[in-house]
Amino acid sequence: MALKEYSTMVQQRINDFMQSRLQSLDDWAPELKEALSYGLLLGGKRSRPLLVYATGQALGQKLELLDSAAAGIECVHAYSLIHDDMPEMDGDVLRRGRPTVHVKFSQQTALLAGDALQALGFEFLSSNTALPPEIIAKQTLILAREAGYSGMCGGQAMDLKAEHQHIPYETLRVLHSKKTGALIKAAVQLGAVAAGASEEAMQALTLYAQKTGLAFQIWDDVLDVTGDSAVTGKPVGNDEAAGKSTYPALFGLEKAKELAHEACAAAQEALKAPALDTADTTMLTEFAAFCVERDH
């Protein structure tokens, strides 16, 4: 199965799983329920669930034992997008070609929808009774760490602080490793833990995730310069207009592309570790390549 077909399968599977869980929520706060459903189910590549499934399957785990972790991390990702889009953060009015949650509903509802989705993500993750409690505990720690101060939230704070400033490369690298890379790393680790990965396999997969996350973010920066808003689903040039620190701004467009491809190659090389000799890492290899080939 090629990555495109695998991605289609993942999108259908995770959307069905999340939609069925959302339908079970009560209707006492209908606008909030509609807003969080809108923010969660409004398209998207489902890259993080894909990485959960692809990593777990590479190590021999069944898909149905990966659903809860895949849905959990997608909820956390969706909450972060809702909050990032708000006027207090990036102030975006379009997401995936449609009005952002705070535009379609209200700022108050968007704030609550993000809060609810973060909580729902951990509810999904911890509801998997088919895996041993110690596995769920490890997964919960991974997602909490990578979503919070040490990961995504810390990266967003660094990003806001760095606006309209020239920051050194090391700061930019750490910023992106937290803001974008943290949840990509978490996705891979969630799948690996669910499959009982060895310490050596976990180290190799973590390196893969770090390099893939870097390639993904650099290419996002590139697309903000070269992309087509009709394809990306959001205005092009936002980063420059907002004074964001990006790889094209620091290195120039062509060097940024080169660095993205180098990170992709390093990610694919990490999958050749002896600890992964018996793993089928085809989808992970193809996903790393996709990061620097995509147009959205």
C-alpha atoms as a PDB file:
ATOM      1  CA  MET A   1       0.000   0.000   0.000  1.00  0.00           C
ATOM      2  CA  ALA A   2       1.337   3.435  -0.975  1.00  0.00           C
ATOM      3  CA  LEU A   3       1.265   6.377   1.422  1.00  0.00           C
ATOM      4  CA  LYS A   4      -1.666   8.021  -0.381  1.00  0.00           C
ATOM      5  CA  GLU A   5      -3.876   4.950   0.074  1.00  0.00           C
ATOM      6  CA  TYR A   6      -2.679   4.485   3.645  1.00  0.00           C
ATOM      7  CA  SER A   7      -3.451   8.128   4.413  1.00  0.00           C
ATOM      8  CA  THR A   8      -6.972   7.765   2.989  1.00  0.00           C
ATOM      9  CA  MET A   9      -7.529   4.713   5.178  1.00  0.00           C
ATOM     10  CA  VAL A  10      -6.247   6.563   8.255  1.00  0.00           C
ATOM     11  CA  GLN A  11      -8.423   9.607   7.607  1.00  0.00           C
ATOM     12  CA  GLN A  12     -11.555   7.500   7.235  1.00  0.00           C
ATOM     13  CA  ARG A  13     -10.755   5.388  10.275  1.00  0.00           C
ATOM     14  CA  ILE A  14      -9.862   8.211  12.654  1.00  0.00           C
ATOM     15  CA  ASN A  15     -12.732  10.431  11.480  1.00  0.00           C
ATOM     16  CA  ASP A  16     -15.232   7.622  12.054  1.00  0.00           C
ATOM     17  CA  PHE A  17     -13.751   6.917  15.491  1.00  0.00           C
ATOM     18  CA  MET A  18     -13.819  10.559  16.592  1.00  0.00           C
ATOM     19  CA  GLN A  19     -17.250  11.283  15.136  1.00  0.00           C
ATOM     20  CA  SER A  20     -18.784   8.320  16.940  1.00  0.00           C
ATOM     21  CA  ARG A  21     -17.299   9.531  20.225  1.00  0.00           C
ATOM     22  CA  LEU A  22     -18.497  13.102  19.678  1.00  0.00           C
ATOM     23  CA  GLN A  23     -22.026  11.908  18.976  1.00  0.00           C
ATOM     24  CA  SER A  24     -22.099  10.318  22.415  1.00  0.00           C
ATOM     25  CA  LEU A  25     -21.607  13.701  24.126  1.00  0.00           C
ATOM     26  CA  ASP A  26     -24.710  15.218  25.707  1.00  0.00           C
ATOM     27  CA  ASP A  27     -26.429  18.261  24.174  1.00  0.00           C
ATOM     28  CA  TRP A  28     -26.513  20.635  27.129  1.00  0.00           C
ATOM     29  CA  ALA A  29     -23.963  22.975  25.489  1.00  0.00           C
ATOM     30  CA  PRO A  30     -24.900  22.662  21.793  1.00  0.00           C
ATOM     31  CA  GLU A  31     -22.827  25.586  20.479  1.00  0.00           C
ATOM     32  CA  LEU A  32     -19.716  24.301  22.239  1.00  0.00           C
ATOM     33  CA  LYS A  33     -20.338  20.793  20.921  1.00  0.00           C
ATOM     34  CA  GLU A  34     -20.784  22.144  17.398  1.00  0.00           C
ATOM     35  CA  ALA A  35     -17.648  24.292  17.667  1.00  0.00           C
ATOM     36  CA  LEU A  36     -15.370  21.533  18.903  1.00  0.00           C
ATOM     37  CA  SER A  37     -16.776  19.153  16.278  1.00  0.00           C
ATOM     38  CA  TYR A  38     -16.151  21.802  13.613  1.00  0.00           C
ATOM     39  CA  GLY A  39     -12.582  22.324  14.801  1.00  0.00           C
ATOM     40  CA  LEU A  40     -11.842  18.619  15.052  1.00  0.00           C
ATOM     41  CA  LEU A  41     -13.539  17.226  11.959  1.00  0.00           C
ATOM     42  CA  LEU A  42     -12.943  20.069   9.482  1.00  0.00           C
ATOM     43  CA  GLY A  43     -10.576  18.248   7.133  1.00  0.00           C
ATOM     44  CA  GLY A  44      -6.850  18.084   7.725  1.00  0.00           C
ATOM     45  CA  LYS A  45      -4.155  15.603   6.704  1.00  0.00           C
ATOM     46  CA  ARG A  46      -4.381  13.625   9.987  1.00  0.00           C
ATOM     47  CA  SER A  47      -0.591  13.395   9.920  1.00  0.00           C
ATOM     48  CA  ARG A  48      -0.239  12.726  13.635  1.00  0.00           C
ATOM     49  CA  PRO A  49      -2.757   9.870  13.731  1.00  0.00           C
ATOM     50  CA  LEU A  50      -1.058   8.474  10.629  1.00  0.00           C
ATOM     51  CA  LEU A  51       2.255   8.413  12.489  1.00  0.00           C
ATOM     52  CA  VAL A  52       0.656   6.687  15.484  1.00  0.00           C
ATOM     53  CA  TYR A  53      -0.794   3.987  13.238  1.00  0.00           C
ATOM     54  CA  ALA A  54       2.261   3.642  10.983  1.00  0.00           C
ATOM     55  CA  THR A  55       4.668   3.326  13.905  1.00  0.00           C
ATOM     56  CA  GLY A  56       2.500   0.901  15.833  1.00  0.00           C
ATOM     57  CA  GLN A  57       1.861  -1.237  12.764  1.00  0.00           C
ATOM     58  CA  ALA A  58       5.539  -1.208  11.806  1.00  0.00           C
ATOM     59  CA  LEU A  59       6.225  -2.910  15.123  1.00  0.00           C
ATOM     60  CA  GLY A  60       3.361  -5.364  14.802  1.00  0.00           C
ATOM     61  CA  GLN A  61       0.551  -3.733  16.786  1.00  0.00           C
ATOM     62  CA  LYS A  62      -3.101  -4.016  15.708  1.00  0.00           C
ATOM     63  CA  LEU A  63      -4.879  -0.936  14.357  1.00  0.00           C
ATOM     64  CA  GLU A  64      -7.740  -1.163  16.837  1.00  0.00           C
ATOM     65  CA  LEU A  65      -5.311  -0.875  19.745  1.00  0.00           C
ATOM     66  CA  LEU A  66      -3.963   2.375  18.284  1.00  0.00           C
ATOM     67  CA  ASP A  67      -7.273   4.207  17.749  1.00  0.00           C
ATOM     68  CA  SER A  68      -7.449   5.851  21.175  1.00  0.00           C
ATOM     69  CA  ALA A  69      -3.926   7.277  21.004  1.00  0.00           C
ATOM     70  CA  ALA A  70      -4.440   8.454  17.422  1.00  0.00           C
ATOM     71  CA  ALA A  71      -7.665  10.231  18.364  1.00  0.00           C
ATOM     72  CA  GLY A  72      -6.129  11.629  21.529  1.00  0.00           C
ATOM     73  CA  ILE A  73      -3.247  13.339  19.785  1.00  0.00           C
ATOM     74  CA  GLU A  74      -5.498  14.651  17.008  1.00  0.00           C
ATOM     75  CA  CYS A  75      -7.742  16.282  19.619  1.00  0.00           C
ATOM     76  CA  VAL A  76      -4.729  17.969  21.198  1.00  0.00           C
ATOM     77  CA  HIS A  77      -3.515  19.107  17.772  1.00  0.00           C
ATOM     78  CA  ALA A  78      -6.976  20.476  16.912  1.00  0.00           C
ATOM     79  CA  TYR A  79      -7.184  22.378  20.194  1.00  0.00           C
ATOM     80  CA  SER A  80      -3.809  23.964  19.497  1.00  0.00           C
ATOM     81  CA  LEU A  81      -4.958  25.143  16.059  1.00  0.00           C
ATOM     82  CA  ILE A  82      -8.130  26.688  17.471  1.00  0.00           C
ATOM     83  CA  HIS A  83      -6.150  28.631  20.054  1.00  0.00           C
ATOM     84  CA  ASP A  84      -3.333  29.535  17.622  1.00  0.00           C
ATOM     85  CA  ASP A  85      -5.851  31.062  15.216  1.00  0.00           C
ATOM     86  CA  MET A  86      -7.350  33.391  17.825  1.00  0.00           C
ATOM     87  CA  PRO A  87      -6.599  37.143  17.758  1.00  0.00           C
ATOM     88  CA  GLU A  88      -4.484  36.870  20.903  1.00  0.00           C
ATOM     89  CA  MET A  89      -2.150  34.486  19.057  1.00  0.00           C
ATOM     90  CA  ASP A  90      -1.795  34.434  15.254  1.00  0.00           C
ATOM     91  CA  GLY A  91      -5.097  36.106  14.390  1.00  0.00           C
ATOM     92  CA  ASP A  92      -5.910  33.859  11.412  1.00  0.00           C
ATOM     93  CA  VAL A  93      -9.391  33.991   9.889  1.00  0.00           C
ATOM     94  CA  LEU A  94      -9.062  30.972   7.570  1.00  0.00           C
ATOM     95  CA  ARG A  95      -8.116  27.386   8.332  1.00  0.00           C
ATOM     96  CA  ARG A  96      -8.267  24.736   5.590  1.00  0.00           C
ATOM     97  CA  GLY A  97     -10.105  27.215   3.403  1.00  0.00           C
ATOM     98  CA  ARG A  98     -12.909  27.826   5.908  1.00  0.00           C
ATOM     99  CA  PRO A  99     -13.528  30.357   8.688  1.00  0.00           C
ATOM    100  CA  THR A 100     -11.588  29.628  11.846  1.00  0.00           C
ATOM    101  CA  VAL A 101     -13.533  28.595  14.939  1.00  0.00           C
ATOM    102  CA  HIS A 102     -13.479  32.002  16.626  1.00  0.00           C
ATOM    103  CA  VAL A 103     -14.712  33.642  13.407  1.00  0.00           C
ATOM    104  CA  LYS A 104     -17.525  31.154  12.799  1.00  0.00           C
ATOM    105  CA  PHE A 105     -18.638  31.059  16.433  1.00  0.00           C
ATOM    106  CA  SER A 106     -17.091  33.498  18.940  1.00  0.00           C
ATOM    107  CA  GLN A 107     -13.827  34.006  20.784  1.00  0.00           C
ATOM    108  CA  GLN A 108     -15.348  32.739  24.020  1.00  0.00           C
ATOM    109  CA  THR A 109     -16.670  29.597  22.361  1.00  0.00           C
ATOM    110  CA  ALA A 110     -13.374  29.010  20.547  1.00  0.00           C
ATOM    111  CA  LEU A 111     -11.457  29.246  23.808  1.00  0.00           C
ATOM    112  CA  LEU A 112     -13.771  26.722  25.456  1.00  0.00           C
ATOM    113  CA  ALA A 113     -13.728  24.440  22.404  1.00  0.00           C
ATOM    114  CA  GLY A 114      -9.947  24.294  22.569  1.00  0.00           C
ATOM    115  CA  ASP A 115     -10.033  23.600  26.295  1.00  0.00           C
ATOM    116  CA  ALA A 116     -12.625  20.861  25.813  1.00  0.00           C
ATOM    117  CA  LEU A 117     -10.679  19.225  22.994  1.00  0.00           C
ATOM    118  CA  GLN A 118      -7.508  19.085  25.072  1.00  0.00           C
ATOM    119  CA  ALA A 119      -9.408  17.337  27.864  1.00  0.00           C
ATOM    120  CA  LEU A 120     -11.179  15.088  25.361  1.00  0.00           C
ATOM    121  CA  GLY A 121      -7.826  14.051  23.924  1.00  0.00           C
ATOM    122  CA  PHE A 122      -6.692  12.679  27.263  1.00  0.00           C
ATOM    123  CA  GLU A 123     -10.124  11.119  27.800  1.00  0.00           C
ATOM    124  CA  PHE A 124      -9.768   9.244  24.504  1.00  0.00           C
ATOM    125  CA  LEU A 125      -6.218   8.180  25.302  1.00  0.00           C
ATOM    126  CA  SER A 126      -7.005   6.895  28.774  1.00  0.00           C
ATOM    127  CA  SER A 127     -10.198   5.096  27.722  1.00  0.00           C
ATOM    128  CA  ASN A 128      -8.321   2.279  25.993  1.00  0.00           C
ATOM    129  CA  THR A 129      -8.912  -0.682  28.299  1.00  0.00           C
ATOM    130  CA  ALA A 130      -7.424  -3.165  25.824  1.00  0.00           C
ATOM    131  CA  LEU A 131      -3.852  -2.114  26.646  1.00  0.00           C
ATOM    132  CA  PRO A 132      -2.174  -2.626  30.039  1.00  0.00           C
ATOM    133  CA  PRO A 133      -2.497   0.332  32.459  1.00  0.00           C
ATOM    134  CA  GLU A 134       1.277   0.849  32.481  1.00  0.00           C
ATOM    135  CA  ILE A 135       1.214   1.400  28.702  1.00  0.00           C
ATOM    136  CA  ILE A 136      -1.598   3.947  29.011  1.00  0.00           C
ATOM    137  CA  ALA A 137       0.347   5.702  31.791  1.00  0.00           C
ATOM    138  CA  LYS A 138       3.432   5.964  29.556  1.00  0.00           C
ATOM    139  CA  GLN A 139       1.348   7.288  26.674  1.00  0.00           C
ATOM    140  CA  THR A 140      -0.350   9.843  28.907  1.00  0.00           C
ATOM    141  CA  LEU A 141       3.006  11.120  30.135  1.00  0.00           C
ATOM    142  CA  ILE A 142       4.310  11.408  26.573  1.00  0.00           C
ATOM    143  CA  LEU A 143       1.320  13.405  25.338  1.00  0.00           C
ATOM    144  CA  ALA A 144       1.199  15.651  28.412  1.00  0.00           C
ATOM    145  CA  ARG A 145       4.913  16.431  28.208  1.00  0.00           C
ATOM    146  CA  GLU A 146       4.995  17.125  24.478  1.00  0.00           C
ATOM    147  CA  ALA A 147       1.785  19.195  24.514  1.00  0.00           C
ATOM    148  CA  GLY A 148       2.738  21.373  27.467  1.00  0.00           C
ATOM    149  CA  TYR A 149       5.516  23.677  28.615  1.00  0.00           C
ATOM    150  CA  SER A 150       8.328  21.371  27.515  1.00  0.00           C
ATOM    151  CA  GLY A 151       6.813  20.979  24.073  1.00  0.00           C
ATOM    152  CA  MET A 152       4.119  22.647  22.010  1.00  0.00           C
ATOM    153  CA  CYS A 153       3.020  25.378  24.439  1.00  0.00           C
ATOM    154  CA  GLY A 154       6.602  26.337  25.188  1.00  0.00           C
ATOM    155  CA  GLY A 155       7.297  26.530  21.468  1.00  0.00           C
ATOM    156  CA  GLN A 156       4.294  28.771  20.875  1.00  0.00           C
ATOM    157  CA  ALA A 157       5.473  31.098  23.645  1.00  0.00           C
ATOM    158  CA  MET A 158       8.929  31.255  22.041  1.00  0.00           C
ATOM    159  CA  ASP A 159       7.328  31.937  18.658  1.00  0.00           C
ATOM    160  CA  LEU A 160       5.290  34.858  19.978  1.00  0.00           C
ATOM    161  CA  LYS A 161       8.312  36.296  21.775  1.00  0.00           C
ATOM    162  CA  ALA A 162      10.449  36.064  18.633  1.00  0.00           C
ATOM    163  CA  GLU A 163       8.110  38.089  16.417  1.00  0.00           C
ATOM    164  CA  HIS A 164       9.821  41.018  14.667  1.00  0.00           C
ATOM    165  CA  GLN A 165      13.180  39.918  16.079  1.00  0.00           C
ATOM    166  CA  HIS A 166      16.250  38.347  14.540  1.00  0.00           C
ATOM    167  CA  ILE A 167      16.947  35.175  16.485  1.00  0.00           C
ATOM    168  CA  PRO A 168      19.947  32.843  16.123  1.00  0.00           C
ATOM    169  CA  TYR A 169      19.622  29.485  14.397  1.00  0.00           C
ATOM    170  CA  GLU A 170      19.817  27.455  17.619  1.00  0.00           C
ATOM    171  CA  THR A 171      16.863  29.350  19.075  1.00  0.00           C
ATOM    172  CA  LEU A 172      14.864  28.832  15.885  1.00  0.00           C
ATOM    173  CA  ARG A 173      15.724  25.123  15.897  1.00  0.00           C
ATOM    174  CA  VAL A 174      14.531  24.691  19.481  1.00  0.00           C
ATOM    175  CA  LEU A 175      11.425  26.797  18.817  1.00  0.00           C
ATOM    176  CA  HIS A 176      10.350  24.587  15.924  1.00  0.00           C
ATOM    177  CA  SER A 177      11.306  21.360  17.695  1.00  0.00           C
ATOM    178  CA  LYS A 178       8.837  22.344  20.398  1.00  0.00           C
ATOM    179  CA  LYS A 179       6.042  24.094  18.522  1.00  0.00           C
ATOM    180  CA  THR A 180       5.670  21.605  15.661  1.00  0.00           C
ATOM    181  CA  GLY A 181       8.125  18.812  16.334  1.00  0.00           C
ATOM    182  CA  ALA A 182       6.840  17.927  19.799  1.00  0.00           C
ATOM    183  CA  LEU A 183       3.509  16.467  18.680  1.00  0.00           C
ATOM    184  CA  ILE A 184       5.127  14.675  15.747  1.00  0.00           C
ATOM    185  CA  LYS A 185       7.562  13.088  18.181  1.00  0.00           C
ATOM    186  CA  ALA A 186       4.689  12.269  20.524  1.00  0.00           C
ATOM    187  CA  ALA A 187       2.743  10.582  17.713  1.00  0.00           C
ATOM    188  CA  VAL A 188       5.633   8.277  16.873  1.00  0.00           C
ATOM    189  CA  GLN A 189       6.329   7.516  20.519  1.00  0.00           C
ATOM    190  CA  LEU A 190       2.653   6.804  21.261  1.00  0.00           C
ATOM    191  CA  GLY A 191       2.600   4.186  18.519  1.00  0.00           C
ATOM    192  CA  ALA A 192       5.931   2.734  19.604  1.00  0.00           C
ATOM    193  CA  VAL A 193       4.895   2.424  23.257  1.00  0.00           C
ATOM    194  CA  ALA A 194       1.615   0.764  22.268  1.00  0.00           C
ATOM    195  CA  ALA A 195       3.620  -1.831  20.354  1.00  0.00           C
ATOM    196  CA  GLY A 196       6.075  -2.488  23.184  1.00  0.00           C
ATOM    197  CA  ALA A 197       9.116  -1.030  21.418  1.00  0.00           C
ATOM    198  CA  SER A 198      12.548  -1.802  22.834  1.00  0.00           C
ATOM    199  CA  GLU A 199      14.686   1.018  24.190  1.00  0.00           C
ATOM    200  CA  GLU A 200      16.920   0.841  21.109  1.00  0.00           C
ATOM    201  CA  ALA A 201      13.938   0.948  18.755  1.00  0.00           C
ATOM    202  CA  MET A 202      12.474   3.880  20.677  1.00  0.00           C
ATOM    203  CA  GLN A 203      15.738   5.806  20.344  1.00  0.00           C
ATOM    204  CA  ALA A 204      15.839   5.254  16.584  1.00  0.00           C
ATOM    205  CA  LEU A 205      12.181   6.181  16.161  1.00  0.00           C
ATOM    206  CA  THR A 206      12.581   9.286  18.305  1.00  0.00           C
ATOM    207  CA  LEU A 207      15.458  10.447  16.091  1.00  0.00           C
ATOM    208  CA  TYR A 208      13.289   9.749  13.056  1.00  0.00           C
ATOM    209  CA  ALA A 209      10.475  11.806  14.572  1.00  0.00           C
ATOM    210  CA  GLN A 210      12.743  14.721  15.447  1.00  0.00           C
ATOM    211  CA  LYS A 211      14.149  14.926  11.928  1.00  0.00           C
ATOM    212  CA  THR A 212      10.727  14.454  10.350  1.00  0.00           C
ATOM    213  CA  GLY A 213       9.299  17.203  12.533  1.00  0.00           C
ATOM    214  CA  LEU A 214      12.099  19.518  11.442  1.00  0.00           C
ATOM    215  CA  ALA A 215      11.516  18.750   7.764  1.00  0.00           C
ATOM    216  CA  PHE A 216       7.769  19.256   8.237  1.00  0.00           C
ATOM    217  CA  GLN A 217       8.172  22.676   9.864  1.00  0.00           C
ATOM    218  CA  ILE A 218      10.794  23.972   7.442  1.00  0.00           C
ATOM    219  CA  TRP A 219       8.531  22.985   4.554  1.00  0.00           C
ATOM    220  CA  ASP A 220       5.615  24.759   6.225  1.00  0.00           C
ATOM    221  CA  ASP A 221       7.820  27.860   6.276  1.00  0.00           C
ATOM    222  CA  VAL A 222       8.620  27.347   2.590  1.00  0.00           C
ATOM    223  CA  LEU A 223       4.942  26.956   1.676  1.00  0.00           C
ATOM    224  CA  ASP A 224       4.143  30.219   3.446  1.00  0.00           C
ATOM    225  CA  VAL A 225       6.378  31.860   0.832  1.00  0.00           C
ATOM    226  CA  THR A 226       5.702  29.768  -2.270  1.00  0.00           C
ATOM    227  CA  GLY A 227       2.319  28.150  -1.648  1.00  0.00           C
ATOM    228  CA  ASP A 228      -1.059  28.791  -3.229  1.00  0.00           C
ATOM    229  CA  SER A 229      -3.686  29.828  -0.681  1.00  0.00           C
ATOM    230  CA  ALA A 230      -6.319  27.960  -2.695  1.00  0.00           C
ATOM    231  CA  VAL A 231      -4.329  24.776  -2.023  1.00  0.00           C
ATOM    232  CA  THR A 232      -2.941  25.450   1.454  1.00  0.00           C
ATOM    233  CA  GLY A 233      -6.313  26.657   2.731  1.00  0.00           C
ATOM    234  CA  LYS A 234      -4.849  29.685   4.480  1.00  0.00           C
ATOM    235  CA  PRO A 235      -3.409  33.033   3.389  1.00  0.00           C
ATOM    236  CA  VAL A 236       0.138  32.896   2.019  1.00  0.00           C
ATOM    237  CA  GLY A 237       2.685  35.327   3.437  1.00  0.00           C
ATOM    238  CA  ASN A 238       1.237  35.384   6.939  1.00  0.00           C
ATOM    239  CA  ASP A 239       4.563  34.572   8.583  1.00  0.00           C
ATOM    240  CA  GLU A 240       6.394  37.465   6.946  1.00  0.00           C
ATOM    241  CA  ALA A 241       3.531  39.877   7.632  1.00  0.00           C
ATOM    242  CA  ALA A 242       3.516  38.868  11.297  1.00  0.00           C
ATOM    243  CA  GLY A 243       7.289  39.143  11.595  1.00  0.00           C
ATOM    244  CA  LYS A 244       7.647  35.424  12.364  1.00  0.00           C
ATOM    245  CA  SER A 245      11.038  33.786  12.681  1.00  0.00           C
ATOM    246  CA  THR A 246      11.269  31.231   9.868  1.00  0.00           C
ATOM    247  CA  TYR A 247      13.905  29.263   8.000  1.00  0.00           C
ATOM    248  CA  PRO A 248      13.433  31.205   4.725  1.00  0.00           C
ATOM    249  CA  ALA A 249      13.762  34.471   6.660  1.00  0.00           C
ATOM    250  CA  LEU A 250      16.971  33.311   8.336  1.00  0.00           C
ATOM    251  CA  PHE A 251      18.618  31.329   5.519  1.00  0.00           C
ATOM    252  CA  GLY A 252      16.843  32.320   2.323  1.00  0.00           C
ATOM    253  CA  LEU A 253      14.335  30.217   0.397  1.00  0.00           C
ATOM    254  CA  GLU A 254      16.704  27.888  -1.458  1.00  0.00           C
ATOM    255  CA  LYS A 255      18.817  27.110   1.606  1.00  0.00           C
ATOM    256  CA  ALA A 256      15.642  26.437   3.588  1.00  0.00           C
ATOM    257  CA  LYS A 257      14.542  23.911   0.961  1.00  0.00           C
ATOM    258  CA  GLU A 258      17.967  22.279   1.131  1.00  0.00           C
ATOM    259  CA  LEU A 259      17.789  22.017   4.925  1.00  0.00           C
ATOM    260  CA  ALA A 260      14.330  20.447   4.703  1.00  0.00           C
ATOM    261  CA  HIS A 261      15.590  17.769   2.325  1.00  0.00           C
ATOM    262  CA  GLU A 262      18.600  17.111   4.560  1.00  0.00           C
ATOM    263  CA  ALA A 263      16.293  16.598   7.541  1.00  0.00           C
ATOM    264  CA  CYS A 264      14.138  14.235   5.476  1.00  0.00           C
ATOM    265  CA  ALA A 265      17.183  12.167   4.509  1.00  0.00           C
ATOM    266  CA  ALA A 266      18.331  12.030   8.139  1.00  0.00           C
ATOM    267  CA  ALA A 267      14.878  10.827   9.206  1.00  0.00           C
ATOM    268  CA  GLN A 268      14.927   8.042   6.650  1.00  0.00           C
ATOM    269  CA  GLU A 269      18.451   7.065   7.686  1.00  0.00           C
ATOM    270  CA  ALA A 270      17.335   6.743  11.320  1.00  0.00           C
ATOM    271  CA  LEU A 271      14.915   4.001  10.258  1.00  0.00           C
ATOM    272  CA  LYS A 272      17.856   1.843   9.151  1.00  0.00           C
ATOM    273  CA  ALA A 273      18.925   1.256  12.762  1.00  0.00           C
ATOM    274  CA  PRO A 274      19.533  -2.430  13.632  1.00  0.00           C
ATOM    275  CA  ALA A 275      16.769  -2.289  16.249  1.00  0.00           C
ATOM    276  CA  LEU A 276      14.259  -1.748  13.426  1.00  0.00           C
ATOM    277  CA  ASP A 277      15.541  -4.525  11.136  1.00  0.00           C
ATOM    278  CA  THR A 278      12.352  -6.563  11.502  1.00  0.00           C
ATOM    279  CA  ALA A 279       9.991  -3.574  11.330  1.00  0.00           C
ATOM    280  CA  ASP A 280       8.150  -2.606   8.161  1.00  0.00           C
ATOM    281  CA  THR A 281       8.933   1.109   8.101  1.00  0.00           C
ATOM    282  CA  THR A 282       7.724   1.726   4.543  1.00  0.00           C
ATOM    283  CA  MET A 283       4.984   4.175   5.539  1.00  0.00           C
ATOM    284  CA  LEU A 284       7.309   6.067   7.883  1.00  0.00           C
ATOM    285  CA  THR A 285       9.915   6.365   5.119  1.00  0.00           C
ATOM    286  CA  GLU A 286       7.316   7.607   2.653  1.00  0.00           C
ATOM    287  CA  PHE A 287       5.871  10.063   5.170  1.00  0.00           C
ATOM    288  CA  ALA A 288       9.277  11.703   5.655  1.00  0.00           C
ATOM    289  CA  ALA A 289       9.509  12.170   1.884  1.00  0.00           C
ATOM    290  CA  PHE A 290       5.957  13.535   1.760  1.00  0.00           C
ATOM    291  CA  CYS A 291       6.925  16.258   4.243  1.00  0.00           C
ATOM    292  CA  VAL A 292       9.126  17.932   1.628  1.00  0.00           C
ATOM    293  CA  GLU A 293       7.011  17.147  -1.440  1.00  0.00           C
ATOM    294  CA  ARG A 294       3.587  18.372  -0.303  1.00  0.00           C
ATOM    295  CA  ASP A 295       1.863  21.528  -1.538  1.00  0.00           C
ATOM    296  CA  HIS A 296      -0.305  22.013   1.560  1.00  0.00           C
END
